[in-house]
Amino acid sequence: MNAEPNYLNANLKFSPNAIPSGKLAWRSPSNIALVKYWGKKSVQIPQNPSISFTLSKSFSETEVSYSPAVSGKSEVEFYFDGKRNLLFEEKTAGFFDGLSSIFPFVNQLKFEIHSKNTFPHSAGIASSASGMSVLAMVLCDMERQLFGTLQEEADFRRKASYIARLGSGSASRSVFGGLVIWGEAEDVSGTSDYYGFPVNEGVHEMFADYQDTILLVDAGEKKVSSSLGHGLMNGNPFAADRFHQAHGNLTALLQAMRSGDTEAFIRISESEALTLHAMMMTSQPYFLLMKPNTLQIIERIFAFREKTGLPVSFTLDAGPNVHMLFPTTIKEDVKRFIDNDLLSFLSPKGYIEDEVGKGPEKIL
């Protein structure tokens, strides 16, 4: 196993009479896993490696103002969609407190955070991935600006990924663009359980702008949190076989994406989606996040692919919504398919047309 980076740095602290004020903002995207991460060891260490597409249009945009704290510990006010959100405030404060040995300066500052998403929160589109990765980008950017460290982009991104992981495992992948592995993969040098690792070199060009149209079957909040679901894998009778399967699937999927083998890509990624939900249904207590319309859509994707021969496939996150994956070259065909055959199965929010993106972006 790769060694954990040591990011403890007592020097990242302001002199008591020189605590600054300022403002910065980032946007950071969600991602959709192709090989799924489900089940973890202690301290946000995955039981198996995962690989994902970083998205482009589904992102969190967060502006952070900071000023001297008056209490001797980090102070957080969190506004989501313009309204103060005490749940997010408590979660963010806990996240910052847990980082005080890595970023000692957080205990010296008051943070006012304004955040919004371009997609429905907690509906199976990895809002924690975008939300926690954007906070990690902000904190690392503060370190870089105020202390002069992390000047090398690779160091900056790796630390941000490490920090994001502590808030949400999947957030470690959102720090990078394109295709990203999190977790030590046997056949991919440089991968780690502690941070994400981009693997875009050598991947077939069609996947550089692969499309992900997110069909919103149910845009409400999930009934079961991902954290609870991960914990239930500890007693799942199929867990060991599942972790072994994921290693093999990651190797095979990456090979398919390098060669441009869409048939293998479809077979592996769809199997991974169904396996994820099978693990939920075989846990104790068991739970079901798919909806009847989820299955209706999947059946119609199967029929459309068989009828047309077009490489349209699906994947699922830990929720009812369906991610339709396909090359850009058939975008118009897929849009007609959605508008003609699938709209009746969607919530009033409809669908989000997204694609593979380049990762976080600083906006202030």
Protein backbone atom coordinates (compact mmCIF):
# COMPACT_ATOMS: atom_id res chain seq x y z
CA MET A 1 0.00 0.00 0.00
CA ASN A 2 1.26 3.47 -0.85
CA ALA A 3 2.44 5.57 2.09
CA GLU A 4 0.12 8.28 3.35
CA PRO A 5 1.36 11.81 2.63
CA ASN A 6 2.27 13.82 5.72
CA TYR A 7 0.48 17.15 5.51
CA LEU A 8 0.86 18.18 9.16
CA ASN A 9 2.41 21.66 9.22
CA ALA A 10 2.34 23.74 12.39
CA ASN A 11 3.75 26.70 10.43
CA LEU A 12 0.46 27.19 8.61
CA LYS A 13 -0.70 29.63 11.24
CA PHE A 14 -0.98 33.41 11.33
CA SER A 15 0.66 35.69 13.86
CA PRO A 16 -2.04 36.82 16.31
CA ASN A 17 -1.78 40.43 15.16
CA ALA A 18 -1.70 39.58 11.44
CA ILE A 19 -4.82 37.50 10.81
CA PRO A 20 -6.06 38.43 7.32
CA SER A 21 -9.43 38.97 5.72
CA GLY A 22 -10.28 38.11 2.15
CA LYS A 23 -12.53 36.35 -0.32
CA LEU A 24 -12.13 33.69 -2.97
CA ALA A 25 -14.37 31.41 -4.97
CA TRP A 26 -14.15 28.15 -6.88
CA ARG A 27 -16.48 25.87 -8.75
CA SER A 28 -15.93 22.13 -8.64
CA PRO A 29 -17.85 19.42 -10.49
CA SER A 30 -19.57 16.26 -9.53
CA ASN A 31 -18.41 13.00 -11.06
CA ILE A 32 -20.00 9.72 -12.08
CA ALA A 33 -18.22 6.53 -11.13
CA LEU A 34 -17.95 3.82 -13.78
CA VAL A 35 -16.38 1.27 -11.45
CA LYS A 36 -18.07 1.90 -8.12
CA TYR A 37 -16.68 2.58 -4.68
CA TRP A 38 -18.99 1.01 -2.10
CA GLY A 39 -17.52 0.02 1.23
CA LYS A 40 -14.65 1.58 3.12
CA LYS A 41 -12.08 0.96 5.78
CA SER A 42 -11.27 3.49 8.49
CA VAL A 43 -10.52 7.17 7.75
CA GLN A 44 -12.05 7.24 4.29
CA ILE A 45 -9.94 4.43 2.81
CA PRO A 46 -11.78 2.54 0.05
CA GLN A 47 -12.19 -1.21 0.05
CA ASN A 48 -11.64 -1.21 -3.71
CA PRO A 49 -10.40 1.26 -6.34
CA SER A 50 -12.93 3.20 -8.39
CA ILE A 51 -12.78 5.12 -11.64
CA SER A 52 -14.99 8.00 -12.73
CA PHE A 53 -15.77 10.62 -15.33
CA THR A 54 -15.50 14.15 -13.98
CA LEU A 55 -18.51 16.10 -15.24
CA SER A 56 -18.66 19.57 -16.74
CA LYS A 57 -22.02 21.24 -16.06
CA SER A 58 -23.02 19.59 -12.76
CA PHE A 59 -20.97 21.54 -10.25
CA SER A 60 -20.97 23.36 -6.92
CA GLU A 61 -20.03 27.03 -6.98
CA THR A 62 -18.79 28.32 -3.64
CA GLU A 63 -17.64 31.74 -2.48
CA VAL A 64 -15.80 31.94 0.83
CA SER A 65 -15.16 35.13 2.78
CA TYR A 66 -12.79 34.89 5.74
CA SER A 67 -11.91 37.23 8.59
CA PRO A 68 -10.39 36.94 12.08
CA ALA A 69 -12.34 34.66 14.43
CA VAL A 70 -13.21 35.88 17.90
CA SER A 71 -13.66 32.53 19.66
CA GLY A 72 -10.28 30.90 19.20
CA LYS A 73 -11.73 28.20 16.95
CA SER A 74 -13.09 28.12 13.42
CA GLU A 75 -16.44 29.85 12.97
CA VAL A 76 -18.68 28.98 10.03
CA GLU A 77 -21.79 30.53 8.53
CA PHE A 78 -23.10 28.55 5.54
CA TYR A 79 -25.61 29.83 3.00
CA PHE A 80 -26.99 27.47 0.37
CA ASP A 81 -29.00 28.94 -2.50
CA GLY A 82 -29.05 32.25 -0.64
CA LYS A 83 -30.49 30.86 2.61
CA ARG A 84 -28.63 30.01 5.77
CA ASN A 85 -28.39 26.23 6.09
CA LEU A 86 -27.67 24.99 9.62
CA LEU A 87 -27.19 21.36 8.54
CA PHE A 88 -24.48 22.27 6.02
CA GLU A 89 -23.06 24.71 8.55
CA GLU A 90 -22.64 21.98 11.16
CA LYS A 91 -21.16 19.55 8.66
CA THR A 92 -18.68 22.12 7.32
CA ALA A 93 -17.66 23.21 10.81
CA GLY A 94 -16.97 19.59 11.71
CA PHE A 95 -14.98 19.13 8.51
CA PHE A 96 -12.86 22.22 9.25
CA ASP A 97 -12.30 21.17 12.86
CA GLY A 98 -11.03 17.80 11.66
CA LEU A 99 -8.53 19.59 9.42
CA SER A 100 -7.06 21.83 12.12
CA SER A 101 -3.85 19.77 12.37
CA ILE A 102 -3.36 20.10 8.58
CA PHE A 103 -4.54 23.71 8.27
CA PRO A 104 -3.96 25.26 11.73
CA PHE A 105 -5.12 28.60 10.36
CA VAL A 106 -8.76 27.46 10.20
CA ASN A 107 -9.04 27.91 13.97
CA GLN A 108 -8.08 31.56 13.57
CA LEU A 109 -10.75 32.44 11.01
CA LYS A 110 -14.42 33.07 10.62
CA PHE A 111 -15.81 31.74 7.35
CA GLU A 112 -18.89 32.95 5.55
CA ILE A 113 -19.70 30.47 2.80
CA HIS A 114 -22.19 30.97 -0.03
CA SER A 115 -22.75 27.90 -2.19
CA LYS A 116 -25.09 26.70 -4.90
CA ASN A 117 -25.39 23.67 -7.13
CA THR A 118 -26.38 23.43 -10.77
CA PHE A 119 -28.20 20.17 -10.02
CA PRO A 120 -30.63 18.88 -7.34
CA HIS A 121 -28.92 18.24 -3.99
CA SER A 122 -28.84 14.70 -2.51
CA ALA A 123 -30.53 13.06 -5.49
CA GLY A 124 -27.81 10.61 -6.43
CA ILE A 125 -25.63 13.01 -8.45
CA ALA A 126 -22.76 13.03 -5.93
CA SER A 127 -23.43 16.45 -4.44
CA SER A 128 -20.98 15.60 -1.67
CA ALA A 129 -18.28 15.10 -4.30
CA SER A 130 -18.67 18.60 -5.71
CA GLY A 131 -19.39 20.22 -2.36
CA MET A 132 -16.43 18.78 -0.48
CA SER A 133 -13.99 19.09 -3.39
CA VAL A 134 -14.79 22.78 -3.80
CA LEU A 135 -14.06 23.39 -0.09
CA ALA A 136 -10.78 21.50 -0.46
CA MET A 137 -9.82 23.69 -3.43
CA VAL A 138 -10.62 26.81 -1.39
CA LEU A 139 -8.52 25.72 1.62
CA CYS A 140 -5.54 24.71 -0.51
CA ASP A 141 -5.83 27.96 -2.45
CA MET A 142 -5.78 29.87 0.83
CA GLU A 143 -2.63 28.01 1.86
CA ARG A 144 -1.01 28.74 -1.49
CA GLN A 145 -1.89 32.45 -1.42
CA LEU A 146 -1.31 33.21 2.25
CA PHE A 147 1.68 30.99 3.05
CA GLY A 148 3.41 30.60 -0.33
CA THR A 149 3.30 26.79 -0.35
CA LEU A 150 1.77 24.39 -2.91
CA GLN A 151 3.21 26.36 -5.83
CA GLU A 152 3.55 23.25 -7.99
CA GLU A 153 0.20 22.41 -9.56
CA ALA A 154 0.67 18.67 -9.04
CA ASP A 155 1.29 19.21 -5.31
CA PHE A 156 -1.69 21.55 -5.07
CA ARG A 157 -4.07 19.08 -6.73
CA ARG A 158 -2.82 16.08 -4.80
CA LYS A 159 -3.26 17.79 -1.44
CA ALA A 160 -6.69 19.09 -2.46
CA SER A 161 -7.69 15.55 -3.42
CA TYR A 162 -6.40 14.21 -0.10
CA ILE A 163 -8.39 16.86 1.80
CA ALA A 164 -11.54 16.36 -0.28
CA ARG A 165 -11.38 12.62 0.44
CA LEU A 166 -11.64 13.27 4.16
CA GLY A 167 -14.99 14.96 3.59
CA SER A 168 -16.32 12.56 0.94
CA GLY A 169 -14.46 9.70 -0.68
CA SER A 170 -15.79 10.37 -4.16
CA ALA A 171 -14.79 14.04 -3.81
CA SER A 172 -11.15 12.98 -4.18
CA ARG A 173 -11.85 12.28 -7.85
CA SER A 174 -13.57 15.62 -8.58
CA VAL A 175 -10.32 17.53 -8.04
CA PHE A 176 -9.09 16.34 -11.46
CA GLY A 177 -10.58 16.44 -14.94
CA GLY A 178 -11.53 13.58 -17.22
CA LEU A 179 -10.99 10.01 -16.12
CA VAL A 180 -9.83 9.60 -12.53
CA ILE A 181 -8.97 6.62 -10.31
CA TRP A 182 -9.21 6.72 -6.54
CA GLY A 183 -7.79 3.74 -4.69
CA GLU A 184 -4.68 1.71 -5.27
CA ALA A 185 -5.16 -0.18 -8.53
CA GLU A 186 -2.87 -3.14 -9.08
CA ASP A 187 -2.09 -2.35 -12.71
CA VAL A 188 -1.91 1.45 -12.61
CA SER A 189 1.25 3.00 -11.19
CA GLY A 190 0.72 6.18 -9.18
CA THR A 191 -2.74 5.36 -7.85
CA SER A 192 -3.36 5.67 -4.13
CA ASP A 193 -5.98 5.12 -1.45
CA TYR A 194 -5.29 8.64 -0.21
CA TYR A 195 -5.99 10.77 -3.28
CA GLY A 196 -7.30 10.62 -6.83
CA PHE A 197 -5.10 10.03 -9.85
CA PRO A 198 -6.01 11.12 -13.42
CA VAL A 199 -5.53 8.48 -16.13
CA ASN A 200 -6.38 10.34 -19.35
CA GLU A 201 -3.17 9.59 -21.22
CA GLY A 202 -3.66 6.85 -23.78
CA VAL A 203 -7.46 6.78 -23.48
CA HIS A 204 -9.34 6.75 -26.80
CA GLU A 205 -10.24 10.25 -27.97
CA MET A 206 -13.99 9.53 -28.02
CA PHE A 207 -14.03 9.49 -24.21
CA ALA A 208 -12.52 12.99 -23.90
CA ASP A 209 -15.96 14.57 -24.42
CA TYR A 210 -18.20 11.58 -23.69
CA GLN A 211 -21.76 12.60 -22.93
CA ASP A 212 -23.66 12.00 -19.69
CA THR A 213 -27.32 12.96 -19.84
CA ILE A 214 -28.73 12.65 -16.32
CA LEU A 215 -32.37 11.57 -16.35
CA LEU A 216 -33.99 12.87 -13.17
CA VAL A 217 -36.44 10.18 -12.15
CA ASP A 218 -36.72 11.57 -8.63
CA ALA A 219 -35.02 14.85 -7.71
CA GLY A 220 -35.82 14.54 -4.00
CA GLU A 221 -33.40 13.61 -1.25
CA LYS A 222 -32.26 10.02 -0.82
CA LYS A 223 -33.89 7.91 1.89
CA VAL A 224 -30.55 6.36 2.90
CA SER A 225 -27.26 8.25 3.16
CA SER A 226 -24.19 7.00 1.32
CA SER A 227 -22.28 6.86 4.61
CA LEU A 228 -24.79 4.41 6.05
CA GLY A 229 -24.71 2.37 2.85
CA HIS A 230 -20.92 2.10 2.94
CA GLY A 231 -21.06 0.93 6.54
CA LEU A 232 -23.51 -1.84 5.71
CA MET A 233 -20.94 -3.43 3.42
CA ASN A 234 -19.08 -4.55 6.56
CA GLY A 235 -21.70 -7.24 7.11
CA ASN A 236 -22.66 -7.95 3.51
CA PRO A 237 -22.11 -11.66 2.70
CA PHE A 238 -21.02 -10.82 -0.85
CA ALA A 239 -18.60 -8.01 0.07
CA ALA A 240 -15.30 -9.88 -0.40
CA ASP A 241 -16.28 -11.13 -3.86
CA ARG A 242 -17.50 -7.66 -4.77
CA PHE A 243 -14.19 -6.02 -3.84
CA HIS A 244 -12.30 -8.60 -5.87
CA GLN A 245 -14.67 -8.07 -8.82
CA ALA A 246 -14.08 -4.31 -8.78
CA HIS A 247 -10.32 -4.72 -9.17
CA GLY A 248 -10.81 -6.87 -12.25
CA ASN A 249 -13.47 -4.62 -13.71
CA LEU A 250 -11.29 -1.54 -13.35
CA THR A 251 -8.44 -3.17 -15.24
CA ALA A 252 -10.76 -4.40 -17.98
CA LEU A 253 -12.62 -1.10 -18.28
CA LEU A 254 -9.45 0.96 -18.60
CA GLN A 255 -8.21 -1.40 -21.29
CA ALA A 256 -11.51 -1.04 -23.17
CA MET A 257 -11.34 2.75 -22.96
CA ARG A 258 -7.80 2.79 -24.27
CA SER A 259 -8.72 0.65 -27.26
CA GLY A 260 -12.08 2.33 -27.91
CA ASP A 261 -14.02 -0.89 -27.30
CA THR A 262 -17.51 0.47 -26.62
CA GLU A 263 -19.04 -3.00 -26.27
CA ALA A 264 -16.74 -3.84 -23.37
CA PHE A 265 -17.21 -0.37 -21.91
CA ILE A 266 -20.98 -0.83 -21.93
CA ARG A 267 -20.88 -4.35 -20.53
CA ILE A 268 -18.60 -3.51 -17.62
CA SER A 269 -20.06 -0.12 -16.65
CA GLU A 270 -23.67 -1.33 -16.75
CA SER A 271 -22.79 -4.40 -14.71
CA GLU A 272 -21.06 -2.15 -12.16
CA ALA A 273 -24.20 -0.01 -11.82
CA LEU A 274 -26.42 -3.01 -11.20
CA THR A 275 -23.90 -4.57 -8.82
CA LEU A 276 -23.87 -1.38 -6.74
CA HIS A 277 -27.62 -1.61 -6.24
CA ALA A 278 -27.42 -5.36 -5.68
CA MET A 279 -25.09 -4.67 -2.75
CA MET A 280 -27.69 -2.31 -1.30
CA MET A 281 -30.42 -4.92 -1.69
CA THR A 282 -28.35 -7.67 -0.05
CA SER A 283 -27.27 -5.65 3.00
CA GLN A 284 -28.89 -5.99 6.42
CA PRO A 285 -30.92 -3.90 6.69
CA TYR A 286 -31.50 -3.92 2.94
CA PHE A 287 -32.67 -0.92 0.98
CA LEU A 288 -33.83 -0.09 -2.52
CA LEU A 289 -33.01 3.25 -4.16
CA MET A 290 -34.19 2.48 -7.68
CA LYS A 291 -37.72 3.51 -8.60
CA PRO A 292 -40.13 1.77 -11.01
CA ASN A 293 -39.36 4.43 -13.62
CA THR A 294 -35.64 3.73 -13.22
CA LEU A 295 -36.25 0.20 -14.46
CA GLN A 296 -38.59 1.40 -17.22
CA ILE A 297 -35.85 3.67 -18.55
CA ILE A 298 -33.19 0.94 -18.37
CA GLU A 299 -35.43 -1.45 -20.33
CA ARG A 300 -35.96 1.19 -23.02
CA ILE A 301 -32.22 1.86 -23.25
CA PHE A 302 -31.68 -1.85 -23.84
CA ALA A 303 -34.36 -1.86 -26.57
CA PHE A 304 -33.06 1.32 -28.22
CA ARG A 305 -29.50 -0.02 -28.33
CA GLU A 306 -30.63 -3.33 -29.80
CA LYS A 307 -32.81 -1.63 -32.43
CA THR A 308 -30.34 1.03 -33.56
CA GLY A 309 -26.94 -0.51 -32.79
CA LEU A 310 -25.90 2.81 -31.25
CA PRO A 311 -23.50 2.63 -28.24
CA VAL A 312 -25.87 4.12 -25.66
CA SER A 313 -25.52 2.80 -22.13
CA PHE A 314 -26.46 3.66 -18.58
CA THR A 315 -24.97 3.86 -15.16
CA LEU A 316 -26.45 4.65 -11.76
CA ASP A 317 -25.17 6.40 -8.69
CA ALA A 318 -26.56 5.68 -5.21
CA GLY A 319 -30.00 6.94 -6.20
CA PRO A 320 -32.84 6.48 -8.70
CA ASN A 321 -31.58 8.74 -11.48
CA VAL A 322 -30.19 7.28 -14.68
CA HIS A 323 -26.97 8.52 -16.27
CA MET A 324 -27.08 7.87 -20.03
CA LEU A 325 -23.57 7.59 -21.46
CA PHE A 326 -22.76 7.90 -25.17
CA PRO A 327 -20.29 9.42 -27.67
CA THR A 328 -20.81 13.02 -28.79
CA THR A 329 -21.29 11.84 -32.39
CA ILE A 330 -24.75 10.44 -31.60
CA LYS A 331 -25.94 13.26 -29.34
CA GLU A 332 -28.85 14.27 -31.58
CA ASP A 333 -30.07 10.67 -31.93
CA VAL A 334 -30.07 10.27 -28.16
CA LYS A 335 -31.88 13.57 -27.59
CA ARG A 336 -34.67 12.47 -29.95
CA PHE A 337 -34.86 9.14 -28.08
CA ILE A 338 -35.20 10.93 -24.74
CA ASP A 339 -37.77 13.45 -25.96
CA ASN A 340 -39.88 10.83 -27.75
CA ASP A 341 -39.64 7.84 -25.41
CA LEU A 342 -38.41 8.77 -21.94
CA LEU A 343 -39.89 12.10 -20.84
CA SER A 344 -42.98 10.46 -19.32
CA PHE A 345 -40.75 8.61 -16.82
CA LEU A 346 -38.96 11.73 -15.55
CA SER A 347 -39.70 14.12 -12.71
CA PRO A 348 -40.78 17.68 -13.58
CA LYS A 349 -37.09 18.67 -13.46
CA GLY A 350 -36.52 16.62 -16.63
CA TYR A 351 -32.91 15.94 -17.50
CA ILE A 352 -29.46 17.50 -17.42
CA GLU A 353 -27.25 17.34 -20.50
CA ASP A 354 -23.69 16.98 -19.29
CA GLU A 355 -20.37 15.68 -20.52
CA VAL A 356 -16.85 14.90 -19.38
CA GLY A 357 -15.21 18.02 -18.00
CA LYS A 358 -11.80 19.41 -17.12
CA GLY A 359 -12.18 19.68 -13.34
CA PRO A 360 -12.39 22.57 -10.84
CA GLU A 361 -12.06 26.17 -11.89
CA LYS A 362 -11.12 29.22 -9.84
CA ILE A 363 -13.58 32.07 -10.36
CA LEU A 364 -12.41 34.65 -7.80
